[in-house]
Amino acid sequence: MSDDGPVFTDSDLADLRQAKSRLECPSLTPRIADLVGKPLEAGFKRLPPDVSDPIGETVRAALLKGLDVAVLTVGKSDARALRDLLHNARFRWPQHRPW
């Protein structure tokens, strides 16, 4: 009986080690985000549902849009062009601003 499990290259194993290290030892940015986020989260929990629900839905929609963009740019050599286009759409075309 042969072992049909995954075969990892040396590069794959190095990437896995680096990912494991990053997950176990977060950099300064996630630690600051956690420090700032805890009081915000506690305040958010105190809001009444008719205020917190729309905020939560808006945040969820924004995160999903960000994920869509991230997925579109994975492995693309023209990711910078897409980022520039999105930046221009957001900051240089005021008629398209939602507020």
Protein backbone atom coordinates (compact mmCIF):
# COMPACT_ATOMS: atom_id res chain seq x y z
CA MET A 1 0.00 0.00 0.00
CA SER A 2 1.46 3.36 -0.98
CA ASP A 3 1.20 6.63 0.87
CA ASP A 4 -0.87 8.99 -1.30
CA GLY A 5 -0.55 11.88 1.13
CA PRO A 6 0.55 15.35 0.06
CA VAL A 7 4.09 15.81 -1.18
CA PHE A 8 5.70 19.05 -0.05
CA THR A 9 8.71 20.63 -1.67
CA ASP A 10 11.44 22.24 0.40
CA SER A 11 9.95 25.62 -0.58
CA ASP A 12 6.49 24.51 0.62
CA LEU A 13 7.93 23.40 3.96
CA ALA A 14 9.81 26.68 4.37
CA ASP A 15 6.59 28.60 3.65
CA LEU A 16 4.70 26.50 6.19
CA ARG A 17 7.37 27.12 8.84
CA GLN A 18 7.24 30.85 8.18
CA ALA A 19 3.41 30.88 8.35
CA LYS A 20 3.49 28.92 11.62
CA SER A 21 6.01 31.35 13.07
CA ARG A 22 3.93 34.35 12.06
CA LEU A 23 0.78 32.86 13.55
CA GLU A 24 2.48 31.99 16.82
CA CYS A 25 4.37 35.30 17.17
CA PRO A 26 2.22 38.14 15.82
CA SER A 27 3.95 41.30 14.70
CA LEU A 28 3.38 44.71 16.23
CA THR A 29 0.47 45.60 13.94
CA PRO A 30 -1.89 42.82 15.08
CA ARG A 31 -0.95 43.43 18.70
CA ILE A 32 -1.81 47.13 18.37
CA ALA A 33 -5.04 46.26 16.55
CA ASP A 34 -5.95 43.90 19.38
CA LEU A 35 -5.13 46.55 21.97
CA VAL A 36 -7.26 49.18 20.21
CA GLY A 37 -9.98 46.75 19.18
CA LYS A 38 -10.88 45.43 22.61
CA PRO A 39 -12.27 48.72 23.97
CA LEU A 40 -14.06 49.37 20.66
CA GLU A 41 -15.61 45.93 20.75
CA ALA A 42 -16.70 46.42 24.36
CA GLY A 43 -18.33 49.75 23.45
CA PHE A 44 -19.97 48.21 20.40
CA LYS A 45 -21.57 45.51 22.59
CA ARG A 46 -23.22 48.24 24.68
CA LEU A 47 -25.03 49.75 21.71
CA PRO A 48 -28.69 48.91 21.21
CA PRO A 49 -29.40 46.42 18.40
CA ASP A 50 -31.07 49.04 16.19
CA VAL A 51 -27.72 50.88 16.12
CA SER A 52 -25.26 47.98 16.24
CA ASP A 53 -26.95 45.78 13.62
CA PRO A 54 -26.59 48.23 10.69
CA ILE A 55 -22.99 48.95 11.72
CA GLY A 56 -22.23 45.23 11.84
CA GLU A 57 -23.83 44.68 8.44
CA THR A 58 -21.83 47.55 6.92
CA VAL A 59 -18.56 46.26 8.37
CA ARG A 60 -19.33 42.74 7.14
CA ALA A 61 -20.10 44.03 3.63
CA ALA A 62 -16.86 46.05 3.58
CA LEU A 63 -14.81 43.04 4.71
CA LEU A 64 -16.41 40.85 2.05
CA LYS A 65 -15.66 43.44 -0.65
CA GLY A 66 -12.06 43.58 0.55
CA LEU A 67 -11.89 39.80 0.37
CA ASP A 68 -13.28 39.90 -3.18
CA VAL A 69 -10.54 42.30 -4.22
CA ALA A 70 -7.87 40.22 -2.47
CA VAL A 71 -9.04 37.06 -4.23
CA LEU A 72 -9.06 38.86 -7.59
CA THR A 73 -5.46 39.97 -7.13
CA VAL A 74 -3.92 36.73 -5.84
CA GLY A 75 -1.21 35.63 -8.22
CA LYS A 76 -1.86 38.45 -10.66
CA SER A 77 1.07 40.40 -12.01
CA ASP A 78 -1.21 43.38 -12.64
CA ALA A 79 -2.35 43.64 -8.99
CA ARG A 80 -0.78 47.10 -8.71
CA ALA A 81 -2.83 48.34 -11.66
CA LEU A 82 -6.02 47.08 -9.99
CA ARG A 83 -5.03 48.70 -6.69
CA ASP A 84 -4.37 52.01 -8.48
CA LEU A 85 -7.73 51.77 -10.26
CA LEU A 86 -9.54 51.15 -6.97
CA HIS A 87 -7.66 54.02 -5.33
CA ASN A 88 -8.63 56.37 -8.14
CA ALA A 89 -12.23 55.21 -7.97
CA ARG A 90 -12.30 55.89 -4.25
CA PHE A 91 -10.35 59.13 -3.90
CA ARG A 92 -10.23 60.87 -7.25
CA TRP A 93 -13.78 60.51 -8.52
CA PRO A 94 -15.86 62.39 -5.92
CA GLN A 95 -19.14 61.79 -7.75
CA HIS A 96 -18.81 58.07 -6.94
CA ARG A 97 -18.46 58.53 -3.20
CA PRO A 98 -21.34 56.93 -1.31
CA TRP A 99 -21.62 59.64 1.35
